[in-house]
Amino acid sequence: MEERQLISRILAGDPAAERQLYDTHVDRVFRLAYRMTGDATWAEDLTQDTFIRAFDRLAGFRGEVAFAGWLHRVATSVILTGLRKRKRVQSVESVRDDLEWAAQTGPAPDPDLARSIDRAVGSLDDNHRLVFVMHDMEGYTHREIATAVDAPVGTIKARLSRARQKLRDALNGPGLSMEME
């Protein structure tokens, strides 16, 4: 079923349509929240908050952008607000997932490197970490990120470039070296 039809049904009070739209998008919202917080329980709370806010504001969705883009804009707002409220930066644990995948195809990763990567990603400010996680870890396009954070594509590209440079600088300290594309 097309998302516009689901949205119409949700606005008419159909809980099955609400569940269907939720099921379609929940995994991607959760992954983003988890990668930004590094905490599964907190990510679940942020995911729930995202959908509560989205369904509360669904009547205001005009369809000028894809629903997924609109929803991820809501998600980034909820996540960044959550991070600001906590007033502390948490490392992104899922970098280990990427290293574990690499270990399946090559030599085992150095656990010190994994911790260094976690710290380096966690040390990025919220805006740079968000763009890095969304693009390099979640596979969002520059345009999707720009829509989600309400910024020009050029700004997103610049933030991603700066995030990568900051990570390179942090990881190229004594005994560490990591190439990033």
N, C-alpha and C. Protein backbone atom coordinates (compact mmCIF):
# COMPACT_ATOMS: atom_id res chain seq x y z
N MET A 1 0.85 -1.18 0.00
CA MET A 1 0.00 0.00 0.00
C MET A 1 0.89 1.24 0.00
N GLU A 2 0.48 2.24 -0.72
CA GLU A 2 1.24 3.49 -0.81
C GLU A 2 1.18 4.23 0.53
N GLU A 3 2.27 4.90 0.86
CA GLU A 3 2.35 5.59 2.16
C GLU A 3 1.30 6.69 2.29
N ARG A 4 0.97 7.35 1.22
CA ARG A 4 -0.06 8.40 1.30
C ARG A 4 -1.41 7.80 1.74
N GLN A 5 -1.71 6.61 1.24
CA GLN A 5 -2.95 5.94 1.64
C GLN A 5 -2.88 5.55 3.12
N LEU A 6 -1.73 5.05 3.55
CA LEU A 6 -1.56 4.71 4.96
C LEU A 6 -1.75 5.94 5.84
N ILE A 7 -1.16 7.05 5.44
CA ILE A 7 -1.27 8.27 6.22
C ILE A 7 -2.74 8.71 6.31
N SER A 8 -3.45 8.63 5.20
CA SER A 8 -4.88 8.98 5.22
C SER A 8 -5.65 8.08 6.18
N ARG A 9 -5.34 6.79 6.15
CA ARG A 9 -6.01 5.84 7.05
C ARG A 9 -5.65 6.12 8.51
N ILE A 10 -4.39 6.48 8.76
CA ILE A 10 -3.97 6.79 10.13
C ILE A 10 -4.72 8.02 10.63
N LEU A 11 -4.82 9.04 9.79
CA LEU A 11 -5.52 10.26 10.18
C LEU A 11 -7.01 10.01 10.41
N ALA A 12 -7.51 8.94 9.79
CA ALA A 12 -8.91 8.57 10.00
C ALA A 12 -9.07 7.66 11.22
N GLY A 13 -7.94 7.33 11.88
CA GLY A 13 -8.03 6.56 13.12
C GLY A 13 -7.78 5.07 12.98
N ASP A 14 -7.17 4.62 11.90
CA ASP A 14 -6.93 3.20 11.67
C ASP A 14 -5.62 2.75 12.34
N PRO A 15 -5.71 2.00 13.46
CA PRO A 15 -4.50 1.58 14.15
C PRO A 15 -3.66 0.57 13.34
N ALA A 16 -4.29 -0.20 12.49
CA ALA A 16 -3.54 -1.16 11.67
C ALA A 16 -2.64 -0.43 10.68
N ALA A 17 -3.13 0.67 10.13
CA ALA A 17 -2.31 1.46 9.21
C ALA A 17 -1.15 2.11 9.95
N GLU A 18 -1.42 2.56 11.17
CA GLU A 18 -0.36 3.15 11.99
C GLU A 18 0.74 2.12 12.26
N ARG A 19 0.32 0.91 12.59
CA ARG A 19 1.30 -0.16 12.86
C ARG A 19 2.10 -0.50 11.60
N GLN A 20 1.45 -0.52 10.47
CA GLN A 20 2.13 -0.84 9.21
C GLN A 20 3.19 0.21 8.87
N LEU A 21 2.85 1.48 9.04
CA LEU A 21 3.81 2.54 8.76
C LEU A 21 4.97 2.49 9.77
N TYR A 22 4.64 2.23 11.02
CA TYR A 22 5.67 2.07 12.06
C TYR A 22 6.62 0.93 11.71
N ASP A 23 6.07 -0.23 11.39
CA ASP A 23 6.89 -1.41 11.07
C ASP A 23 7.80 -1.15 9.88
N THR A 24 7.34 -0.37 8.94
CA THR A 24 8.13 -0.07 7.75
C THR A 24 9.39 0.74 8.08
N HIS A 25 9.31 1.61 9.07
CA HIS A 25 10.39 2.58 9.33
C HIS A 25 11.12 2.42 10.66
N VAL A 26 10.64 1.58 11.55
CA VAL A 26 11.20 1.53 12.90
C VAL A 26 12.65 1.09 12.94
N ASP A 27 13.04 0.13 12.12
CA ASP A 27 14.42 -0.37 12.19
C ASP A 27 15.44 0.71 11.85
N ARG A 28 15.16 1.47 10.82
CA ARG A 28 16.11 2.51 10.40
C ARG A 28 16.20 3.63 11.44
N VAL A 29 15.07 3.99 12.02
CA VAL A 29 15.08 5.03 13.06
C VAL A 29 15.85 4.52 14.28
N PHE A 30 15.61 3.28 14.67
CA PHE A 30 16.31 2.72 15.82
C PHE A 30 17.81 2.67 15.58
N ARG A 31 18.23 2.20 14.40
CA ARG A 31 19.67 2.11 14.11
C ARG A 31 20.33 3.49 14.21
N LEU A 32 19.68 4.49 13.69
CA LEU A 32 20.21 5.85 13.77
C LEU A 32 20.33 6.28 15.23
N ALA A 33 19.28 6.07 16.00
CA ALA A 33 19.30 6.46 17.42
C ALA A 33 20.37 5.68 18.18
N TYR A 34 20.51 4.41 17.88
CA TYR A 34 21.50 3.58 18.57
C TYR A 34 22.91 4.03 18.23
N ARG A 35 23.14 4.30 16.99
CA ARG A 35 24.48 4.72 16.59
C ARG A 35 24.84 6.10 17.12
N MET A 36 23.85 6.91 17.37
CA MET A 36 24.13 8.23 17.93
C MET A 36 24.32 8.17 19.44
N THR A 37 23.69 7.22 20.11
CA THR A 37 23.76 7.17 21.57
C THR A 37 24.66 6.07 22.10
N GLY A 38 24.77 4.96 21.36
CA GLY A 38 25.54 3.82 21.85
C GLY A 38 24.84 3.06 22.95
N ASP A 39 23.57 3.31 23.16
CA ASP A 39 22.82 2.70 24.27
C ASP A 39 21.48 2.20 23.73
N ALA A 40 21.29 0.88 23.74
CA ALA A 40 20.09 0.29 23.14
C ALA A 40 18.80 0.75 23.84
N THR A 41 18.83 0.82 25.16
CA THR A 41 17.63 1.23 25.90
C THR A 41 17.27 2.68 25.58
N TRP A 42 18.27 3.53 25.56
CA TRP A 42 18.04 4.93 25.24
C TRP A 42 17.58 5.07 23.80
N ALA A 43 18.17 4.28 22.90
CA ALA A 43 17.77 4.32 21.49
C ALA A 43 16.31 3.89 21.32
N GLU A 44 15.88 2.89 22.10
CA GLU A 44 14.47 2.48 22.04
C GLU A 44 13.57 3.62 22.49
N ASP A 45 13.96 4.30 23.56
CA ASP A 45 13.17 5.44 24.04
C ASP A 45 13.10 6.55 23.00
N LEU A 46 14.24 6.85 22.37
CA LEU A 46 14.27 7.89 21.35
C LEU A 46 13.45 7.49 20.12
N THR A 47 13.49 6.20 19.78
CA THR A 47 12.69 5.70 18.66
C THR A 47 11.20 5.86 18.97
N GLN A 48 10.82 5.49 20.18
CA GLN A 48 9.42 5.64 20.59
C GLN A 48 9.03 7.12 20.57
N ASP A 49 9.88 7.97 21.11
CA ASP A 49 9.60 9.42 21.11
C ASP A 49 9.46 9.95 19.69
N THR A 50 10.30 9.44 18.78
CA THR A 50 10.22 9.87 17.38
C THR A 50 8.86 9.55 16.79
N PHE A 51 8.39 8.33 16.99
CA PHE A 51 7.10 7.96 16.41
C PHE A 51 5.93 8.66 17.10
N ILE A 52 6.04 8.88 18.38
CA ILE A 52 4.98 9.63 19.07
C ILE A 52 4.88 11.03 18.47
N ARG A 53 6.04 11.68 18.32
CA ARG A 53 6.05 13.03 17.75
C ARG A 53 5.56 13.01 16.30
N ALA A 54 6.02 12.02 15.53
CA ALA A 54 5.64 11.95 14.12
C ALA A 54 4.14 11.74 13.98
N PHE A 55 3.57 10.82 14.75
CA PHE A 55 2.13 10.58 14.64
C PHE A 55 1.32 11.77 15.15
N ASP A 56 1.84 12.47 16.15
CA ASP A 56 1.16 13.68 16.63
C ASP A 56 1.15 14.77 15.57
N ARG A 57 2.19 14.80 14.75
CA ARG A 57 2.33 15.86 13.74
C ARG A 57 2.01 15.39 12.33
N LEU A 58 1.48 14.21 12.21
CA LEU A 58 1.23 13.62 10.90
C LEU A 58 0.27 14.46 10.05
N ALA A 59 -0.67 15.11 10.68
CA ALA A 59 -1.61 15.95 9.93
C ALA A 59 -0.88 17.10 9.23
N GLY A 60 0.29 17.49 9.75
CA GLY A 60 1.06 18.57 9.15
C GLY A 60 1.98 18.10 8.03
N PHE A 61 2.05 16.79 7.80
CA PHE A 61 2.89 16.27 6.71
C PHE A 61 2.20 16.59 5.40
N ARG A 62 2.88 17.38 4.55
CA ARG A 62 2.28 17.84 3.30
C ARG A 62 2.70 17.02 2.10
N GLY A 63 3.66 16.13 2.27
CA GLY A 63 4.08 15.29 1.16
C GLY A 63 5.02 15.97 0.18
N GLU A 64 5.60 17.11 0.58
CA GLU A 64 6.55 17.80 -0.31
C GLU A 64 7.85 17.02 -0.45
N VAL A 65 8.16 16.23 0.57
CA VAL A 65 9.32 15.33 0.54
C VAL A 65 8.79 13.93 0.83
N ALA A 66 9.63 12.93 0.60
CA ALA A 66 9.23 11.56 0.91
C ALA A 66 8.97 11.44 2.41
N PHE A 67 8.03 10.58 2.76
CA PHE A 67 7.71 10.40 4.17
C PHE A 67 8.94 9.97 4.96
N ALA A 68 9.77 9.10 4.39
CA ALA A 68 10.97 8.64 5.09
C ALA A 68 11.88 9.82 5.42
N GLY A 69 12.03 10.74 4.51
CA GLY A 69 12.85 11.93 4.77
C GLY A 69 12.27 12.79 5.87
N TRP A 70 10.95 12.97 5.84
CA TRP A 70 10.28 13.75 6.86
C TRP A 70 10.43 13.08 8.23
N LEU A 71 10.24 11.77 8.26
CA LEU A 71 10.35 11.03 9.51
C LEU A 71 11.77 11.12 10.06
N HIS A 72 12.76 11.02 9.21
CA HIS A 72 14.14 11.08 9.68
C HIS A 72 14.51 12.50 10.14
N ARG A 73 13.83 13.48 9.61
CA ARG A 73 14.00 14.85 10.11
C ARG A 73 13.46 14.93 11.53
N VAL A 74 12.31 14.32 11.76
CA VAL A 74 11.74 14.26 13.11
C VAL A 74 12.70 13.49 14.02
N ALA A 75 13.22 12.36 13.54
CA ALA A 75 14.13 11.53 14.34
C ALA A 75 15.39 12.30 14.72
N THR A 76 15.99 13.01 13.77
CA THR A 76 17.21 13.74 14.10
C THR A 76 16.94 14.83 15.13
N SER A 77 15.79 15.47 15.03
CA SER A 77 15.43 16.48 16.01
C SER A 77 15.28 15.86 17.40
N VAL A 78 14.58 14.75 17.48
CA VAL A 78 14.39 14.06 18.77
C VAL A 78 15.73 13.59 19.33
N ILE A 79 16.57 13.02 18.48
CA ILE A 79 17.86 12.48 18.94
C ILE A 79 18.77 13.61 19.42
N LEU A 80 18.89 14.67 18.62
CA LEU A 80 19.76 15.77 19.03
C LEU A 80 19.26 16.44 20.31
N THR A 81 17.96 16.55 20.46
CA THR A 81 17.39 17.09 21.69
C THR A 81 17.73 16.18 22.87
N GLY A 82 17.61 14.87 22.66
CA GLY A 82 17.96 13.91 23.70
C GLY A 82 19.43 14.01 24.09
N LEU A 83 20.30 14.16 23.11
CA LEU A 83 21.73 14.30 23.41
C LEU A 83 22.02 15.57 24.19
N ARG A 84 21.36 16.65 23.80
CA ARG A 84 21.57 17.92 24.51
C ARG A 84 21.08 17.82 25.95
N LYS A 85 19.97 17.15 26.17
CA LYS A 85 19.43 17.02 27.52
C LYS A 85 20.38 16.23 28.41
N ARG A 86 20.98 15.23 27.88
CA ARG A 86 21.91 14.42 28.67
C ARG A 86 23.22 15.15 28.95
N LYS A 87 23.56 16.10 28.08
CA LYS A 87 24.76 16.93 28.21
C LYS A 87 26.03 16.10 28.35
N ARG A 88 26.04 14.99 27.69
CA ARG A 88 27.29 14.23 27.64
C ARG A 88 27.33 13.46 26.33
N VAL A 89 28.48 13.29 25.82
CA VAL A 89 28.67 12.59 24.57
C VAL A 89 28.95 11.13 24.88
N GLN A 90 28.23 10.24 24.17
CA GLN A 90 28.46 8.81 24.35
C GLN A 90 29.11 8.26 23.10
N SER A 91 29.94 7.27 23.29
CA SER A 91 30.62 6.68 22.13
C SER A 91 29.62 5.89 21.29
N VAL A 92 29.97 5.69 20.06
CA VAL A 92 29.13 4.95 19.14
C VAL A 92 29.65 3.51 19.10
N GLU A 93 28.94 2.61 19.76
CA GLU A 93 29.39 1.23 19.90
C GLU A 93 29.33 0.44 18.60
N SER A 94 28.51 0.85 17.68
CA SER A 94 28.33 0.02 16.49
C SER A 94 29.51 0.04 15.54
N VAL A 95 30.51 0.89 15.79
CA VAL A 95 31.72 0.83 14.98
C VAL A 95 32.32 -0.57 15.13
N ARG A 96 32.15 -1.16 16.30
CA ARG A 96 32.64 -2.53 16.53
C ARG A 96 31.98 -3.52 15.57
N ASP A 97 30.71 -3.29 15.27
CA ASP A 97 30.03 -4.18 14.33
C ASP A 97 30.75 -4.16 12.98
N ASP A 98 31.13 -2.97 12.54
CA ASP A 98 31.84 -2.85 11.27
C ASP A 98 33.20 -3.55 11.35
N LEU A 99 33.87 -3.42 12.49
CA LEU A 99 35.17 -4.08 12.65
C LEU A 99 35.01 -5.60 12.72
N GLU A 100 33.94 -6.08 13.35
CA GLU A 100 33.70 -7.52 13.42
C GLU A 100 33.44 -8.07 12.02
N TRP A 101 32.72 -7.32 11.20
CA TRP A 101 32.48 -7.75 9.83
C TRP A 101 33.81 -7.85 9.08
N ALA A 102 34.65 -6.85 9.27
CA ALA A 102 35.96 -6.85 8.61
C ALA A 102 36.80 -8.03 9.10
N ALA A 103 36.65 -8.41 10.35
CA ALA A 103 37.41 -9.53 10.91
C ALA A 103 37.04 -10.84 10.23
N GLN A 104 35.83 -10.94 9.73
CA GLN A 104 35.40 -12.18 9.06
C GLN A 104 36.14 -12.36 7.75
N THR A 105 36.62 -11.27 7.17
CA THR A 105 37.28 -11.34 5.87
C THR A 105 38.78 -11.10 5.96
N GLY A 106 39.29 -10.85 7.15
CA GLY A 106 40.71 -10.58 7.29
C GLY A 106 41.17 -10.86 8.70
N PRO A 107 42.35 -10.37 9.05
CA PRO A 107 42.87 -10.62 10.39
C PRO A 107 42.01 -9.94 11.45
N ALA A 108 42.07 -10.45 12.66
CA ALA A 108 41.27 -9.90 13.75
C ALA A 108 41.68 -8.46 14.04
N PRO A 109 40.70 -7.57 14.27
CA PRO A 109 41.03 -6.18 14.56
C PRO A 109 41.67 -6.05 15.94
N ASP A 110 42.45 -5.04 16.08
CA ASP A 110 43.09 -4.72 17.35
C ASP A 110 42.03 -4.12 18.29
N PRO A 111 41.80 -4.71 19.47
CA PRO A 111 40.78 -4.16 20.38
C PRO A 111 41.09 -2.73 20.81
N ASP A 112 42.39 -2.39 20.88
CA ASP A 112 42.74 -1.00 21.22
C ASP A 112 42.29 -0.05 20.12
N LEU A 113 42.41 -0.50 18.86
CA LEU A 113 41.95 0.32 17.75
C LEU A 113 40.44 0.51 17.82
N ALA A 114 39.70 -0.57 18.15
CA ALA A 114 38.24 -0.45 18.26
C ALA A 114 37.87 0.57 19.32
N ARG A 115 38.54 0.54 20.46
CA ARG A 115 38.26 1.52 21.51
C ARG A 115 38.63 2.93 21.05
N SER A 116 39.74 3.04 20.34
CA SER A 116 40.16 4.34 19.83
C SER A 116 39.14 4.90 18.84
N ILE A 117 38.62 4.04 17.99
CA ILE A 117 37.60 4.47 17.03
C ILE A 117 36.34 4.90 17.77
N ASP A 118 35.91 4.11 18.75
CA ASP A 118 34.73 4.49 19.54
C ASP A 118 34.92 5.86 20.17
N ARG A 119 36.08 6.08 20.78
CA ARG A 119 36.35 7.37 21.43
C ARG A 119 36.38 8.50 20.40
N ALA A 120 37.02 8.24 19.27
CA ALA A 120 37.14 9.29 18.24
C ALA A 120 35.77 9.68 17.70
N VAL A 121 34.94 8.71 17.38
CA VAL A 121 33.60 9.01 16.87
C VAL A 121 32.78 9.70 17.96
N GLY A 122 32.89 9.20 19.19
CA GLY A 122 32.16 9.79 20.31
C GLY A 122 32.59 11.21 20.63
N SER A 123 33.82 11.57 20.26
CA SER A 123 34.32 12.91 20.57
C SER A 123 33.86 13.96 19.56
N LEU A 124 33.31 13.52 18.43
CA LEU A 124 32.79 14.49 17.46
C LEU A 124 31.61 15.23 18.06
N ASP A 125 31.45 16.50 17.70
CA ASP A 125 30.26 17.22 18.17
C ASP A 125 29.03 16.61 17.51
N ASP A 126 27.87 16.88 18.06
CA ASP A 126 26.63 16.23 17.62
C ASP A 126 26.39 16.34 16.12
N ASN A 127 26.57 17.53 15.55
CA ASN A 127 26.28 17.73 14.12
C ASN A 127 27.21 16.92 13.24
N HIS A 128 28.50 16.90 13.57
CA HIS A 128 29.45 16.13 12.76
C HIS A 128 29.24 14.63 12.94
N ARG A 129 28.99 14.20 14.18
CA ARG A 129 28.76 12.77 14.44
C ARG A 129 27.50 12.30 13.72
N LEU A 130 26.45 13.12 13.75
CA LEU A 130 25.20 12.74 13.09
C LEU A 130 25.42 12.52 11.60
N VAL A 131 26.09 13.46 10.94
CA VAL A 131 26.33 13.34 9.50
C VAL A 131 27.23 12.14 9.21
N PHE A 132 28.28 11.94 10.01
CA PHE A 132 29.18 10.80 9.81
C PHE A 132 28.43 9.48 9.97
N VAL A 133 27.66 9.35 11.04
CA VAL A 133 26.91 8.11 11.29
C VAL A 133 25.89 7.87 10.18
N MET A 134 25.13 8.90 9.83
CA MET A 134 24.10 8.72 8.81
C MET A 134 24.71 8.34 7.46
N HIS A 135 25.80 8.99 7.06
CA HIS A 135 26.38 8.73 5.74
C HIS A 135 27.25 7.49 5.72
N ASP A 136 28.28 7.47 6.56
CA ASP A 136 29.29 6.42 6.46
C ASP A 136 28.89 5.12 7.14
N MET A 137 27.99 5.18 8.08
CA MET A 137 27.61 3.96 8.79
C MET A 137 26.23 3.46 8.39
N GLU A 138 25.30 4.36 8.12
CA GLU A 138 23.94 3.97 7.78
C GLU A 138 23.65 4.02 6.29
N GLY A 139 24.49 4.66 5.51
CA GLY A 139 24.32 4.67 4.07
C GLY A 139 23.35 5.69 3.51
N TYR A 140 23.00 6.70 4.30
CA TYR A 140 22.13 7.75 3.78
C TYR A 140 22.90 8.54 2.72
N THR A 141 22.18 9.09 1.75
CA THR A 141 22.80 9.96 0.76
C THR A 141 22.94 11.36 1.34
N HIS A 142 23.77 12.18 0.70
CA HIS A 142 23.92 13.57 1.14
C HIS A 142 22.56 14.28 1.14
N ARG A 143 21.78 14.03 0.10
CA ARG A 143 20.48 14.69 -0.03
C ARG A 143 19.52 14.24 1.08
N GLU A 144 19.51 12.95 1.41
CA GLU A 144 18.64 12.46 2.49
C GLU A 144 19.03 13.10 3.82
N ILE A 145 20.31 13.21 4.07
CA ILE A 145 20.77 13.83 5.32
C ILE A 145 20.39 15.30 5.33
N ALA A 146 20.59 15.98 4.21
CA ALA A 146 20.24 17.40 4.12
C ALA A 146 18.76 17.61 4.44
N THR A 147 17.92 16.74 3.92
CA THR A 147 16.49 16.83 4.20
C THR A 147 16.21 16.58 5.67
N ALA A 148 16.88 15.58 6.24
CA ALA A 148 16.63 15.21 7.63
C ALA A 148 17.05 16.31 8.61
N VAL A 149 18.13 17.01 8.31
CA VAL A 149 18.62 18.02 9.25
C VAL A 149 18.31 19.44 8.80
N ASP A 150 17.61 19.58 7.69
CA ASP A 150 17.20 20.88 7.16
C ASP A 150 18.42 21.78 6.93
N ALA A 151 19.35 21.25 6.14
CA ALA A 151 20.56 22.00 5.80
C ALA A 151 20.86 21.78 4.33
N PRO A 152 21.57 22.70 3.69
CA PRO A 152 21.94 22.51 2.29
C PRO A 152 22.88 21.30 2.12
N VAL A 153 22.82 20.67 0.95
CA VAL A 153 23.67 19.52 0.65
C VAL A 153 25.13 19.89 0.81
N GLY A 154 25.51 21.09 0.40
CA GLY A 154 26.90 21.53 0.54
C GLY A 154 27.36 21.57 1.99
N THR A 155 26.47 21.97 2.87
CA THR A 155 26.79 21.99 4.30
C THR A 155 27.01 20.57 4.81
N ILE A 156 26.18 19.65 4.35
CA ILE A 156 26.32 18.24 4.76
C ILE A 156 27.65 17.69 4.29
N LYS A 157 28.00 17.97 3.04
CA LYS A 157 29.29 17.49 2.51
C LYS A 157 30.44 18.07 3.30
N ALA A 158 30.36 19.34 3.65
CA ALA A 158 31.42 19.99 4.42
C ALA A 158 31.53 19.38 5.82
N ARG A 159 30.38 19.15 6.46
CA ARG A 159 30.40 18.53 7.80
C ARG A 159 30.99 17.13 7.74
N LEU A 160 30.63 16.36 6.71
CA LEU A 160 31.17 15.01 6.58
C LEU A 160 32.67 15.06 6.37
N SER A 161 33.13 15.97 5.54
CA SER A 161 34.57 16.11 5.30
C SER A 161 35.30 16.48 6.59
N ARG A 162 34.73 17.43 7.34
CA ARG A 162 35.36 17.84 8.60
C ARG A 162 35.33 16.70 9.62
N ALA A 163 34.23 15.95 9.67
CA ALA A 163 34.15 14.81 10.60
C ALA A 163 35.21 13.78 10.27
N ARG A 164 35.36 13.47 8.99
CA ARG A 164 36.37 12.50 8.59
C ARG A 164 37.77 12.99 8.92
N GLN A 165 38.02 14.28 8.71
CA GLN A 165 39.35 14.83 9.02
C GLN A 165 39.62 14.77 10.52
N LYS A 166 38.62 15.10 11.33
CA LYS A 166 38.78 15.02 12.78
C LYS A 166 39.06 13.59 13.21
N LEU A 167 38.38 12.62 12.59
CA LEU A 167 38.62 11.22 12.91
C LEU A 167 40.02 10.80 12.49
N ARG A 168 40.44 11.22 11.30
CA ARG A 168 41.81 10.92 10.85
C ARG A 168 42.83 11.46 11.83
N ASP A 169 42.65 12.73 12.23
CA ASP A 169 43.58 13.36 13.17
C ASP A 169 43.61 12.60 14.49
N ALA A 170 42.43 12.21 14.98
CA ALA A 170 42.37 11.50 16.26
C ALA A 170 42.98 10.11 16.16
N LEU A 171 42.81 9.46 15.01
CA LEU A 171 43.28 8.08 14.87
C LEU A 171 44.70 7.96 14.35
N ASN A 172 45.28 9.04 13.90
CA ASN A 172 46.65 9.00 13.41
C ASN A 172 47.65 9.43 14.47
N GLY A 173 47.27 9.27 15.73
CA GLY A 173 48.18 9.56 16.83
C GLY A 173 49.26 8.48 16.88
N PRO A 174 50.07 8.48 17.92
CA PRO A 174 51.15 7.50 18.05
C PRO A 174 50.62 6.07 17.99
N GLY A 175 51.12 5.31 17.05
CA GLY A 175 50.77 3.89 16.95
C GLY A 175 49.46 3.60 16.29
N LEU A 176 48.71 4.62 15.90
CA LEU A 176 47.42 4.39 15.26
C LEU A 176 47.43 4.98 13.87
N SER A 177 46.80 4.30 12.96
CA SER A 177 46.67 4.82 11.61
C SER A 177 45.45 4.19 10.99
N MET A 178 44.61 5.02 10.38
CA MET A 178 43.41 4.51 9.75
C MET A 178 43.10 5.35 8.54
N GLU A 179 42.93 4.70 7.42
CA GLU A 179 42.55 5.41 6.19
C GLU A 179 41.05 5.40 6.08
N MET A 180 40.47 6.55 5.75
CA MET A 180 39.02 6.66 5.55
C MET A 180 38.80 7.22 4.16
N GLU A 181 37.85 6.65 3.44
CA GLU A 181 37.54 7.15 2.10
C GLU A 181 36.65 8.35 2.19
